[in-house]
Amino acid sequence: MISYIKGELSEVSTEGIIVEAAGIGYEIKVPASLLSRLPSLGSLVKIHTYLQVKEDGASLFGFLDREDLEVFRLLLTVNGIGPKGALGILSVLSPDDLRFAVLGDDIKTLSRAPGLGKKTAQKVILELKDKFHLEEAFEKRLSREEAPVGTAPDAKGEAVQALVALGYSSSEALQAVRGLVDADSMSVEEILKQALKRMSL
């Protein structure tokens, strides 16, 4: 099993990347969303990989973060989704977006991924919902964002947690908060008031 490949980024294309390590060029398929985060050609890069072995050959799929690789592996546990399908999903949705879509029963967002119809999107939600946790999803998103104190992620996160504490399900709370147009400029209390009003309609 190849856990990761560390070497020189020698080629980038829409098909993926080639990383040269110890004189060997490894062709690695990556999500389209990763391409903009890559360093310049010739730079040292570390790609966490998943190796798919089939009768007609082997393919490497790669990610800059181990966490993204773990989300990719989780997608592979969903019946009917293979490595190419999972890569397609992560090309359109970041792991954070995927977590929130699953936790919020957001079929519309999931269906943006190529080849992912409504039925498969429902299957993704059903099979992955127990594997994602609301608090963890917010922590991961906040750790990726350098947001100033009191801005959207903090306020929204606290509001969702407060709604869950009031007895609403995490998906109901997420949908209510995400549906607020001006939530970015609101305090936690204002978001809570608006979300509760929205949920009572």
N, C-alpha and C. Protein backbone atom coordinates (compact mmCIF):
# COMPACT_ATOMS: atom_id res chain seq x y z
N MET A 1 0.84 -1.20 0.00
CA MET A 1 0.00 0.00 0.00
C MET A 1 0.88 1.25 0.00
N ILE A 2 0.57 2.20 -0.86
CA ILE A 2 1.32 3.47 -0.90
C ILE A 2 0.54 4.50 -0.10
N SER A 3 1.07 4.88 1.05
CA SER A 3 0.39 5.81 1.93
C SER A 3 0.47 7.24 1.39
N TYR A 4 1.66 7.64 0.96
CA TYR A 4 1.82 8.97 0.36
C TYR A 4 3.06 8.96 -0.53
N ILE A 5 3.13 9.96 -1.40
CA ILE A 5 4.30 10.13 -2.27
C ILE A 5 4.81 11.55 -2.07
N LYS A 6 6.10 11.66 -1.78
CA LYS A 6 6.71 12.96 -1.56
C LYS A 6 7.80 13.15 -2.62
N GLY A 7 7.69 14.19 -3.40
CA GLY A 7 8.67 14.40 -4.45
C GLY A 7 8.43 15.70 -5.18
N GLU A 8 9.00 15.81 -6.36
CA GLU A 8 8.90 17.05 -7.15
C GLU A 8 7.66 17.03 -8.03
N LEU A 9 6.91 18.10 -7.98
CA LEU A 9 5.73 18.24 -8.84
C LEU A 9 6.23 18.55 -10.25
N SER A 10 6.14 17.57 -11.14
CA SER A 10 6.73 17.76 -12.47
C SER A 10 5.72 18.05 -13.58
N GLU A 11 4.44 17.74 -13.33
CA GLU A 11 3.45 18.00 -14.38
C GLU A 11 2.06 18.15 -13.76
N VAL A 12 1.28 19.08 -14.34
CA VAL A 12 -0.10 19.28 -13.89
C VAL A 12 -0.98 19.37 -15.12
N SER A 13 -2.09 18.61 -15.13
CA SER A 13 -3.04 18.68 -16.23
C SER A 13 -4.44 18.46 -15.68
N THR A 14 -5.43 18.56 -16.55
CA THR A 14 -6.80 18.33 -16.10
C THR A 14 -7.02 16.87 -15.72
N GLU A 15 -6.14 15.99 -16.20
CA GLU A 15 -6.24 14.56 -15.89
C GLU A 15 -5.67 14.23 -14.52
N GLY A 16 -4.79 15.10 -14.01
CA GLY A 16 -4.15 14.84 -12.73
C GLY A 16 -2.76 15.44 -12.68
N ILE A 17 -1.89 14.86 -11.87
CA ILE A 17 -0.54 15.38 -11.72
C ILE A 17 0.48 14.25 -11.82
N ILE A 18 1.73 14.63 -12.05
CA ILE A 18 2.83 13.66 -12.00
C ILE A 18 3.82 14.15 -10.97
N VAL A 19 4.13 13.29 -10.01
CA VAL A 19 5.10 13.60 -8.98
C VAL A 19 6.29 12.68 -9.17
N GLU A 20 7.49 13.27 -9.27
CA GLU A 20 8.69 12.46 -9.44
C GLU A 20 9.34 12.24 -8.08
N ALA A 21 9.51 10.96 -7.72
CA ALA A 21 10.14 10.60 -6.45
C ALA A 21 11.12 9.47 -6.72
N ALA A 22 12.36 9.65 -6.31
CA ALA A 22 13.42 8.65 -6.49
C ALA A 22 13.53 8.21 -7.95
N GLY A 23 13.41 9.18 -8.87
CA GLY A 23 13.58 8.89 -10.28
C GLY A 23 12.38 8.26 -10.97
N ILE A 24 11.27 8.12 -10.24
CA ILE A 24 10.05 7.53 -10.81
C ILE A 24 8.96 8.59 -10.85
N GLY A 25 8.29 8.70 -12.01
CA GLY A 25 7.19 9.65 -12.14
C GLY A 25 5.86 8.96 -11.86
N TYR A 26 5.20 9.37 -10.79
CA TYR A 26 3.92 8.76 -10.41
C TYR A 26 2.76 9.60 -10.95
N GLU A 27 1.92 8.97 -11.75
CA GLU A 27 0.73 9.65 -12.26
C GLU A 27 -0.38 9.50 -11.24
N ILE A 28 -0.89 10.63 -10.77
CA ILE A 28 -1.88 10.62 -9.69
C ILE A 28 -3.11 11.41 -10.11
N LYS A 29 -4.28 10.79 -10.01
CA LYS A 29 -5.54 11.49 -10.30
C LYS A 29 -5.93 12.28 -9.06
N VAL A 30 -6.25 13.55 -9.25
CA VAL A 30 -6.62 14.40 -8.12
C VAL A 30 -7.92 15.13 -8.43
N PRO A 31 -8.67 15.56 -7.40
CA PRO A 31 -9.89 16.32 -7.67
C PRO A 31 -9.54 17.67 -8.28
N ALA A 32 -10.39 18.18 -9.15
CA ALA A 32 -10.14 19.45 -9.83
C ALA A 32 -9.95 20.59 -8.82
N SER A 33 -10.63 20.49 -7.68
CA SER A 33 -10.54 21.54 -6.66
C SER A 33 -9.13 21.65 -6.06
N LEU A 34 -8.34 20.60 -6.18
CA LEU A 34 -7.00 20.59 -5.59
C LEU A 34 -5.99 21.33 -6.47
N LEU A 35 -6.25 21.41 -7.78
CA LEU A 35 -5.30 21.99 -8.72
C LEU A 35 -4.89 23.41 -8.36
N SER A 36 -5.82 24.21 -7.87
CA SER A 36 -5.52 25.60 -7.54
C SER A 36 -4.70 25.72 -6.25
N ARG A 37 -4.62 24.65 -5.49
CA ARG A 37 -3.89 24.68 -4.21
C ARG A 37 -2.48 24.12 -4.33
N LEU A 38 -2.12 23.67 -5.52
CA LEU A 38 -0.79 23.07 -5.71
C LEU A 38 0.30 24.13 -5.75
N PRO A 39 1.51 23.78 -5.31
CA PRO A 39 2.63 24.72 -5.44
C PRO A 39 3.07 24.79 -6.90
N SER A 40 4.04 25.61 -7.20
CA SER A 40 4.51 25.74 -8.58
C SER A 40 5.27 24.50 -9.02
N LEU A 41 5.36 24.29 -10.34
CA LEU A 41 6.08 23.14 -10.88
C LEU A 41 7.52 23.15 -10.40
N GLY A 42 8.04 21.98 -10.08
CA GLY A 42 9.40 21.88 -9.58
C GLY A 42 9.49 21.93 -8.07
N SER A 43 8.36 22.28 -7.42
CA SER A 43 8.34 22.36 -5.95
C SER A 43 8.18 20.97 -5.34
N LEU A 44 8.60 20.87 -4.09
CA LEU A 44 8.41 19.62 -3.34
C LEU A 44 6.96 19.55 -2.90
N VAL A 45 6.36 18.39 -3.07
CA VAL A 45 4.96 18.22 -2.71
C VAL A 45 4.76 16.85 -2.06
N LYS A 46 3.82 16.78 -1.13
CA LYS A 46 3.49 15.51 -0.48
C LYS A 46 2.02 15.21 -0.76
N ILE A 47 1.77 14.09 -1.44
CA ILE A 47 0.40 13.72 -1.81
C ILE A 47 0.01 12.43 -1.11
N HIS A 48 -1.07 12.50 -0.34
CA HIS A 48 -1.61 11.30 0.34
C HIS A 48 -2.42 10.52 -0.70
N THR A 49 -2.16 9.23 -0.80
CA THR A 49 -2.71 8.47 -1.93
C THR A 49 -3.58 7.28 -1.56
N TYR A 50 -4.42 6.94 -2.53
CA TYR A 50 -5.24 5.73 -2.47
C TYR A 50 -4.94 4.94 -3.74
N LEU A 51 -4.60 3.68 -3.60
CA LEU A 51 -4.25 2.84 -4.74
C LEU A 51 -5.41 1.93 -5.10
N GLN A 52 -5.88 2.05 -6.34
CA GLN A 52 -6.95 1.17 -6.83
C GLN A 52 -6.30 0.16 -7.79
N VAL A 53 -6.49 -1.12 -7.49
CA VAL A 53 -5.94 -2.17 -8.35
C VAL A 53 -7.08 -2.92 -9.01
N LYS A 54 -7.06 -2.94 -10.35
CA LYS A 54 -8.08 -3.68 -11.11
C LYS A 54 -7.36 -4.63 -12.07
N GLU A 55 -8.14 -5.47 -12.73
CA GLU A 55 -7.57 -6.44 -13.66
C GLU A 55 -6.78 -5.78 -14.78
N ASP A 56 -7.27 -4.62 -15.23
CA ASP A 56 -6.62 -3.96 -16.36
C ASP A 56 -5.57 -2.93 -15.95
N GLY A 57 -5.21 -2.89 -14.68
CA GLY A 57 -4.16 -1.98 -14.24
C GLY A 57 -4.42 -1.38 -12.87
N ALA A 58 -3.56 -0.44 -12.49
CA ALA A 58 -3.67 0.21 -11.18
C ALA A 58 -3.73 1.72 -11.37
N SER A 59 -4.42 2.41 -10.47
CA SER A 59 -4.53 3.86 -10.52
C SER A 59 -4.29 4.44 -9.13
N LEU A 60 -3.62 5.59 -9.10
CA LEU A 60 -3.39 6.30 -7.85
C LEU A 60 -4.29 7.52 -7.80
N PHE A 61 -4.93 7.74 -6.66
CA PHE A 61 -5.76 8.91 -6.42
C PHE A 61 -5.13 9.66 -5.26
N GLY A 62 -5.00 10.98 -5.38
CA GLY A 62 -4.25 11.69 -4.35
C GLY A 62 -4.88 12.98 -3.85
N PHE A 63 -4.44 13.36 -2.62
CA PHE A 63 -4.96 14.54 -1.94
C PHE A 63 -3.84 15.20 -1.14
N LEU A 64 -3.91 16.52 -1.00
CA LEU A 64 -2.89 17.24 -0.23
C LEU A 64 -3.01 16.98 1.26
N ASP A 65 -4.24 16.73 1.73
CA ASP A 65 -4.46 16.51 3.16
C ASP A 65 -4.92 15.09 3.43
N ARG A 66 -4.41 14.51 4.51
CA ARG A 66 -4.83 13.15 4.90
C ARG A 66 -6.33 13.13 5.19
N GLU A 67 -6.82 14.22 5.75
CA GLU A 67 -8.24 14.32 6.10
C GLU A 67 -9.11 14.20 4.84
N ASP A 68 -8.66 14.83 3.73
CA ASP A 68 -9.41 14.76 2.48
C ASP A 68 -9.42 13.33 1.95
N LEU A 69 -8.30 12.64 2.14
CA LEU A 69 -8.20 11.23 1.72
C LEU A 69 -9.19 10.37 2.52
N GLU A 70 -9.32 10.67 3.81
CA GLU A 70 -10.25 9.91 4.65
C GLU A 70 -11.70 10.10 4.19
N VAL A 71 -12.04 11.33 3.78
CA VAL A 71 -13.40 11.61 3.27
C VAL A 71 -13.61 10.84 1.97
N PHE A 72 -12.58 10.80 1.13
CA PHE A 72 -12.61 10.03 -0.12
C PHE A 72 -12.88 8.55 0.19
N ARG A 73 -12.18 8.02 1.18
CA ARG A 73 -12.38 6.60 1.57
C ARG A 73 -13.80 6.36 2.07
N LEU A 74 -14.34 7.33 2.81
CA LEU A 74 -15.72 7.20 3.31
C LEU A 74 -16.70 7.14 2.14
N LEU A 75 -16.47 7.96 1.13
CA LEU A 75 -17.34 7.94 -0.04
C LEU A 75 -17.32 6.59 -0.73
N LEU A 76 -16.16 5.93 -0.71
CA LEU A 76 -16.03 4.62 -1.35
C LEU A 76 -16.85 3.55 -0.63
N THR A 77 -17.21 3.81 0.64
CA THR A 77 -18.02 2.83 1.38
C THR A 77 -19.48 2.88 0.96
N VAL A 78 -19.87 3.94 0.25
CA VAL A 78 -21.26 4.07 -0.22
C VAL A 78 -21.46 3.17 -1.43
N ASN A 79 -22.44 2.31 -1.34
CA ASN A 79 -22.72 1.37 -2.41
C ASN A 79 -22.99 2.09 -3.73
N GLY A 80 -22.24 1.75 -4.77
CA GLY A 80 -22.45 2.36 -6.07
C GLY A 80 -21.50 3.50 -6.39
N ILE A 81 -20.64 3.88 -5.43
CA ILE A 81 -19.68 4.95 -5.69
C ILE A 81 -18.26 4.38 -5.70
N GLY A 82 -17.60 4.50 -6.85
CA GLY A 82 -16.22 4.04 -7.00
C GLY A 82 -15.26 5.21 -6.89
N PRO A 83 -13.95 4.96 -7.06
CA PRO A 83 -12.96 6.03 -6.96
C PRO A 83 -13.21 7.21 -7.90
N LYS A 84 -13.60 6.93 -9.15
CA LYS A 84 -13.84 8.03 -10.09
C LYS A 84 -15.04 8.87 -9.66
N GLY A 85 -16.08 8.21 -9.19
CA GLY A 85 -17.27 8.92 -8.71
C GLY A 85 -16.96 9.78 -7.49
N ALA A 86 -16.19 9.19 -6.56
CA ALA A 86 -15.82 9.92 -5.34
C ALA A 86 -14.95 11.12 -5.68
N LEU A 87 -14.05 10.95 -6.65
CA LEU A 87 -13.19 12.05 -7.09
C LEU A 87 -14.02 13.15 -7.73
N GLY A 88 -15.04 12.75 -8.49
CA GLY A 88 -15.94 13.72 -9.11
C GLY A 88 -16.68 14.55 -8.07
N ILE A 89 -17.12 13.89 -7.01
CA ILE A 89 -17.83 14.59 -5.93
C ILE A 89 -16.90 15.60 -5.27
N LEU A 90 -15.65 15.17 -4.97
CA LEU A 90 -14.71 16.06 -4.29
C LEU A 90 -14.10 17.11 -5.22
N SER A 91 -14.37 16.99 -6.52
CA SER A 91 -13.95 18.04 -7.46
C SER A 91 -14.91 19.22 -7.40
N VAL A 92 -16.15 18.93 -7.01
CA VAL A 92 -17.20 19.95 -6.97
C VAL A 92 -17.43 20.45 -5.54
N LEU A 93 -17.36 19.53 -4.57
CA LEU A 93 -17.60 19.86 -3.17
C LEU A 93 -16.34 19.64 -2.35
N SER A 94 -16.00 20.59 -1.50
CA SER A 94 -14.88 20.39 -0.58
C SER A 94 -15.33 19.39 0.48
N PRO A 95 -14.40 18.74 1.18
CA PRO A 95 -14.82 17.83 2.26
C PRO A 95 -15.74 18.52 3.26
N ASP A 96 -15.48 19.82 3.54
CA ASP A 96 -16.35 20.56 4.46
C ASP A 96 -17.76 20.68 3.90
N ASP A 97 -17.85 21.06 2.62
CA ASP A 97 -19.17 21.19 1.98
C ASP A 97 -19.92 19.86 1.99
N LEU A 98 -19.17 18.78 1.76
CA LEU A 98 -19.78 17.45 1.75
C LEU A 98 -20.35 17.12 3.13
N ARG A 99 -19.57 17.39 4.17
CA ARG A 99 -20.04 17.12 5.54
C ARG A 99 -21.34 17.86 5.83
N PHE A 100 -21.35 19.16 5.53
CA PHE A 100 -22.53 19.97 5.82
C PHE A 100 -23.72 19.57 4.96
N ALA A 101 -23.47 19.17 3.73
CA ALA A 101 -24.56 18.71 2.85
C ALA A 101 -25.17 17.43 3.41
N VAL A 102 -24.32 16.52 3.87
CA VAL A 102 -24.81 15.25 4.43
C VAL A 102 -25.56 15.50 5.73
N LEU A 103 -24.98 16.30 6.61
CA LEU A 103 -25.62 16.57 7.90
C LEU A 103 -26.90 17.37 7.76
N GLY A 104 -26.98 18.18 6.68
CA GLY A 104 -28.16 19.02 6.47
C GLY A 104 -29.17 18.43 5.51
N ASP A 105 -28.99 17.14 5.14
CA ASP A 105 -29.90 16.48 4.17
C ASP A 105 -30.04 17.31 2.89
N ASP A 106 -28.94 17.89 2.46
CA ASP A 106 -28.96 18.80 1.32
C ASP A 106 -28.71 18.04 0.01
N ILE A 107 -29.78 17.44 -0.51
CA ILE A 107 -29.68 16.65 -1.74
C ILE A 107 -29.31 17.53 -2.93
N LYS A 108 -29.82 18.78 -2.95
CA LYS A 108 -29.56 19.69 -4.06
C LYS A 108 -28.06 19.95 -4.22
N THR A 109 -27.38 20.21 -3.10
CA THR A 109 -25.94 20.48 -3.16
C THR A 109 -25.18 19.24 -3.61
N LEU A 110 -25.52 18.10 -3.06
CA LEU A 110 -24.84 16.85 -3.45
C LEU A 110 -25.05 16.54 -4.93
N SER A 111 -26.21 16.87 -5.43
CA SER A 111 -26.53 16.56 -6.83
C SER A 111 -25.76 17.41 -7.83
N ARG A 112 -25.01 18.40 -7.33
CA ARG A 112 -24.18 19.21 -8.23
C ARG A 112 -23.00 18.40 -8.76
N ALA A 113 -22.64 17.34 -8.06
CA ALA A 113 -21.51 16.51 -8.48
C ALA A 113 -21.87 15.76 -9.76
N PRO A 114 -20.91 15.65 -10.71
CA PRO A 114 -21.20 14.96 -11.97
C PRO A 114 -21.60 13.50 -11.76
N GLY A 115 -22.69 13.10 -12.41
CA GLY A 115 -23.12 11.71 -12.34
C GLY A 115 -23.81 11.31 -11.05
N LEU A 116 -24.05 12.28 -10.18
CA LEU A 116 -24.68 11.97 -8.89
C LEU A 116 -26.14 12.41 -8.94
N GLY A 117 -27.02 11.46 -9.18
CA GLY A 117 -28.45 11.75 -9.24
C GLY A 117 -29.05 11.84 -7.86
N LYS A 118 -30.35 12.12 -7.84
CA LYS A 118 -31.06 12.29 -6.56
C LYS A 118 -31.00 11.03 -5.70
N LYS A 119 -31.19 9.87 -6.33
CA LYS A 119 -31.20 8.62 -5.56
C LYS A 119 -29.86 8.34 -4.92
N THR A 120 -28.77 8.55 -5.70
CA THR A 120 -27.43 8.31 -5.16
C THR A 120 -27.11 9.33 -4.08
N ALA A 121 -27.56 10.57 -4.27
CA ALA A 121 -27.34 11.61 -3.25
C ALA A 121 -28.03 11.22 -1.94
N GLN A 122 -29.25 10.68 -2.05
CA GLN A 122 -29.97 10.22 -0.85
C GLN A 122 -29.21 9.07 -0.18
N LYS A 123 -28.62 8.21 -1.00
CA LYS A 123 -27.85 7.08 -0.48
C LYS A 123 -26.61 7.57 0.27
N VAL A 124 -25.95 8.59 -0.31
CA VAL A 124 -24.76 9.18 0.35
C VAL A 124 -25.14 9.71 1.72
N ILE A 125 -26.26 10.44 1.79
CA ILE A 125 -26.72 11.00 3.07
C ILE A 125 -27.04 9.89 4.05
N LEU A 126 -27.77 8.90 3.60
CA LEU A 126 -28.19 7.80 4.47
C LEU A 126 -26.99 7.03 5.03
N GLU A 127 -26.01 6.74 4.17
CA GLU A 127 -24.89 5.89 4.59
C GLU A 127 -23.77 6.63 5.31
N LEU A 128 -23.70 7.96 5.13
CA LEU A 128 -22.60 8.70 5.77
C LEU A 128 -23.02 9.56 6.95
N LYS A 129 -24.31 9.72 7.15
CA LYS A 129 -24.79 10.63 8.20
C LYS A 129 -24.24 10.28 9.58
N ASP A 130 -24.16 9.00 9.89
CA ASP A 130 -23.66 8.57 11.20
C ASP A 130 -22.15 8.71 11.32
N LYS A 131 -21.48 8.94 10.20
CA LYS A 131 -20.01 9.01 10.23
C LYS A 131 -19.49 10.43 10.34
N PHE A 132 -20.39 11.41 10.20
CA PHE A 132 -20.01 12.81 10.37
C PHE A 132 -20.70 13.36 11.62
N HIS A 133 -20.03 14.26 12.32
CA HIS A 133 -20.60 14.86 13.53
C HIS A 133 -20.58 16.37 13.40
N LEU A 134 -21.65 17.01 13.82
CA LEU A 134 -21.83 18.44 13.66
C LEU A 134 -20.68 19.26 14.25
N GLU A 135 -20.35 18.98 15.52
CA GLU A 135 -19.29 19.76 16.19
C GLU A 135 -17.97 19.61 15.45
N GLU A 136 -17.68 18.37 15.05
CA GLU A 136 -16.43 18.10 14.35
C GLU A 136 -16.41 18.83 13.00
N ALA A 137 -17.55 18.86 12.31
CA ALA A 137 -17.63 19.54 11.02
C ALA A 137 -17.33 21.02 11.17
N PHE A 138 -17.88 21.65 12.21
CA PHE A 138 -17.61 23.07 12.43
C PHE A 138 -16.16 23.31 12.83
N GLU A 139 -15.63 22.42 13.68
CA GLU A 139 -14.23 22.57 14.11
C GLU A 139 -13.29 22.50 12.91
N LYS A 140 -13.55 21.56 12.02
CA LYS A 140 -12.69 21.39 10.85
C LYS A 140 -12.78 22.61 9.94
N ARG A 141 -14.00 23.11 9.76
CA ARG A 141 -14.15 24.28 8.89
C ARG A 141 -13.46 25.50 9.51
N LEU A 142 -13.64 25.69 10.80
CA LEU A 142 -13.03 26.84 11.48
C LEU A 142 -11.51 26.74 11.45
N SER A 143 -10.98 25.55 11.56
CA SER A 143 -9.53 25.39 11.55
C SER A 143 -8.94 25.72 10.18
N ARG A 144 -9.76 25.60 9.13
CA ARG A 144 -9.29 25.91 7.77
C ARG A 144 -9.44 27.39 7.45
N GLU A 145 -10.33 28.06 8.14
CA GLU A 145 -10.61 29.47 7.83
C GLU A 145 -9.95 30.37 8.87
N GLU A 146 -9.29 31.39 8.39
CA GLU A 146 -8.72 32.37 9.32
C GLU A 146 -9.72 33.51 9.44
N ALA A 147 -10.81 33.21 10.08
CA ALA A 147 -11.88 34.20 10.16
C ALA A 147 -11.70 35.09 11.38
N PRO A 148 -11.95 36.41 11.24
CA PRO A 148 -11.86 37.30 12.39
C PRO A 148 -12.90 36.92 13.44
N VAL A 149 -12.63 37.29 14.68
CA VAL A 149 -13.53 36.95 15.78
C VAL A 149 -14.91 37.56 15.53
N GLY A 150 -15.94 36.77 15.77
CA GLY A 150 -17.30 37.27 15.64
C GLY A 150 -17.87 37.21 14.24
N THR A 151 -17.13 36.65 13.28
CA THR A 151 -17.67 36.57 11.92
C THR A 151 -18.46 35.29 11.74
N ALA A 152 -18.96 35.11 10.54
CA ALA A 152 -19.95 34.08 10.22
C ALA A 152 -19.73 32.69 10.79
N PRO A 153 -18.59 32.03 10.56
CA PRO A 153 -18.48 30.65 11.01
C PRO A 153 -18.72 30.48 12.50
N ASP A 154 -18.15 31.41 13.33
CA ASP A 154 -18.32 31.31 14.78
C ASP A 154 -19.79 31.48 15.17
N ALA A 155 -20.39 32.55 14.66
CA ALA A 155 -21.77 32.86 15.02
C ALA A 155 -22.72 31.77 14.54
N LYS A 156 -22.55 31.34 13.31
CA LYS A 156 -23.41 30.28 12.77
C LYS A 156 -23.23 28.98 13.54
N GLY A 157 -21.99 28.66 13.84
CA GLY A 157 -21.70 27.42 14.55
C GLY A 157 -22.34 27.40 15.93
N GLU A 158 -22.20 28.53 16.65
CA GLU A 158 -22.80 28.61 17.99
C GLU A 158 -24.32 28.54 17.91
N ALA A 159 -24.88 29.17 16.89
CA ALA A 159 -26.34 29.16 16.73
C ALA A 159 -26.85 27.75 16.47
N VAL A 160 -26.16 27.02 15.61
CA VAL A 160 -26.57 25.64 15.32
C VAL A 160 -26.47 24.78 16.58
N GLN A 161 -25.38 24.94 17.31
CA GLN A 161 -25.21 24.16 18.55
C GLN A 161 -26.31 24.49 19.56
N ALA A 162 -26.69 25.78 19.62
CA ALA A 162 -27.75 26.19 20.54
C ALA A 162 -29.09 25.56 20.13
N LEU A 163 -29.36 25.52 18.83
CA LEU A 163 -30.61 24.92 18.34
C LEU A 163 -30.66 23.43 18.64
N VAL A 164 -29.52 22.77 18.49
CA VAL A 164 -29.44 21.33 18.79
C VAL A 164 -29.70 21.12 20.28
N ALA A 165 -29.15 22.02 21.11
CA ALA A 165 -29.35 21.93 22.56
C ALA A 165 -30.82 22.13 22.93
N LEU A 166 -31.54 22.89 22.08
CA LEU A 166 -32.97 23.12 22.32
C LEU A 166 -33.84 21.94 21.89
N GLY A 167 -33.20 20.94 21.27
CA GLY A 167 -33.94 19.74 20.91
C GLY A 167 -34.15 19.51 19.42
N TYR A 168 -33.71 20.46 18.59
CA TYR A 168 -33.82 20.27 17.15
C TYR A 168 -32.74 19.31 16.67
N SER A 169 -33.00 18.62 15.58
CA SER A 169 -31.96 17.73 15.03
C SER A 169 -30.88 18.59 14.38
N SER A 170 -29.70 18.03 14.23
CA SER A 170 -28.59 18.79 13.65
C SER A 170 -28.91 19.21 12.22
N SER A 171 -29.61 18.35 11.46
CA SER A 171 -29.93 18.69 10.07
C SER A 171 -30.95 19.84 10.02
N GLU A 172 -31.94 19.83 10.93
CA GLU A 172 -32.93 20.92 10.97
C GLU A 172 -32.24 22.24 11.31
N ALA A 173 -31.35 22.17 12.30
CA ALA A 173 -30.63 23.38 12.74
C ALA A 173 -29.75 23.92 11.61
N LEU A 174 -29.05 23.03 10.95
CA LEU A 174 -28.17 23.43 9.85
C LEU A 174 -28.95 24.10 8.73
N GLN A 175 -30.05 23.47 8.34
CA GLN A 175 -30.85 24.01 7.23
C GLN A 175 -31.42 25.38 7.59
N ALA A 176 -31.86 25.54 8.83
CA ALA A 176 -32.46 26.82 9.25
C ALA A 176 -31.42 27.93 9.23
N VAL A 177 -30.23 27.65 9.74
CA VAL A 177 -29.18 28.67 9.80
C VAL A 177 -28.63 28.98 8.41
N ARG A 178 -28.45 27.94 7.61
CA ARG A 178 -27.90 28.14 6.27
C ARG A 178 -28.87 28.89 5.36
N GLY A 179 -30.16 28.84 5.70
CA GLY A 179 -31.16 29.50 4.88
C GLY A 179 -31.30 30.99 5.13
N LEU A 180 -30.58 31.51 6.12
CA LEU A 180 -30.68 32.94 6.45
C LEU A 180 -29.77 33.75 5.53
N VAL A 181 -30.35 34.73 4.88
CA VAL A 181 -29.61 35.52 3.88
C VAL A 181 -28.52 36.38 4.51
N ASP A 182 -28.81 37.08 5.60
CA ASP A 182 -27.85 38.03 6.17
C ASP A 182 -27.14 37.49 7.42
N ALA A 183 -27.03 36.17 7.53
CA ALA A 183 -26.44 35.57 8.74
C ALA A 183 -25.00 36.02 8.97
N ASP A 184 -24.28 36.34 7.90
CA ASP A 184 -22.87 36.75 8.02
C ASP A 184 -22.69 38.00 8.89
N SER A 185 -23.69 38.86 8.88
CA SER A 185 -23.56 40.11 9.63
C SER A 185 -24.33 40.10 10.95
N MET A 186 -24.90 38.94 11.31
CA MET A 186 -25.71 38.85 12.53
C MET A 186 -24.91 38.32 13.72
N SER A 187 -25.40 38.65 14.92
CA SER A 187 -24.83 38.06 16.14
C SER A 187 -25.48 36.70 16.33
N VAL A 188 -24.96 35.93 17.28
CA VAL A 188 -25.52 34.59 17.56
C VAL A 188 -27.00 34.71 17.93
N GLU A 189 -27.32 35.70 18.78
CA GLU A 189 -28.71 35.88 19.24
C GLU A 189 -29.64 36.19 18.07
N GLU A 190 -29.18 37.06 17.16
CA GLU A 190 -30.01 37.42 16.00
C GLU A 190 -30.22 36.22 15.09
N ILE A 191 -29.15 35.44 14.89
CA ILE A 191 -29.28 34.24 14.05
C ILE A 191 -30.28 33.28 14.68
N LEU A 192 -30.18 33.10 16.00
CA LEU A 192 -31.10 32.20 16.71
C LEU A 192 -32.55 32.65 16.55
N LYS A 193 -32.80 33.95 16.75
CA LYS A 193 -34.17 34.47 16.61
C LYS A 193 -34.73 34.21 15.21
N GLN A 194 -33.93 34.55 14.21
CA GLN A 194 -34.37 34.39 12.82
C GLN A 194 -34.57 32.91 12.46
N ALA A 195 -33.65 32.07 12.94
CA ALA A 195 -33.73 30.62 12.64
C ALA A 195 -34.97 30.01 13.29
N LEU A 196 -35.24 30.41 14.54
CA LEU A 196 -36.42 29.88 15.24
C LEU A 196 -37.70 30.34 14.55
N LYS A 197 -37.72 31.58 14.09
CA LYS A 197 -38.88 32.13 13.38
C LYS A 197 -39.09 31.31 12.08
N ARG A 198 -37.98 31.06 11.41
CA ARG A 198 -38.03 30.31 10.15
C ARG A 198 -38.54 28.87 10.37
N MET A 199 -38.11 28.26 11.48
CA MET A 199 -38.49 26.87 11.78
C MET A 199 -39.95 26.75 12.23
N SER A 200 -40.51 27.86 12.71
CA SER A 200 -41.90 27.80 13.19
C SER A 200 -42.90 28.01 12.06
N LEU A 201 -42.39 28.41 10.87
CA LEU A 201 -43.30 28.66 9.74
C LEU A 201 -43.87 27.35 9.19
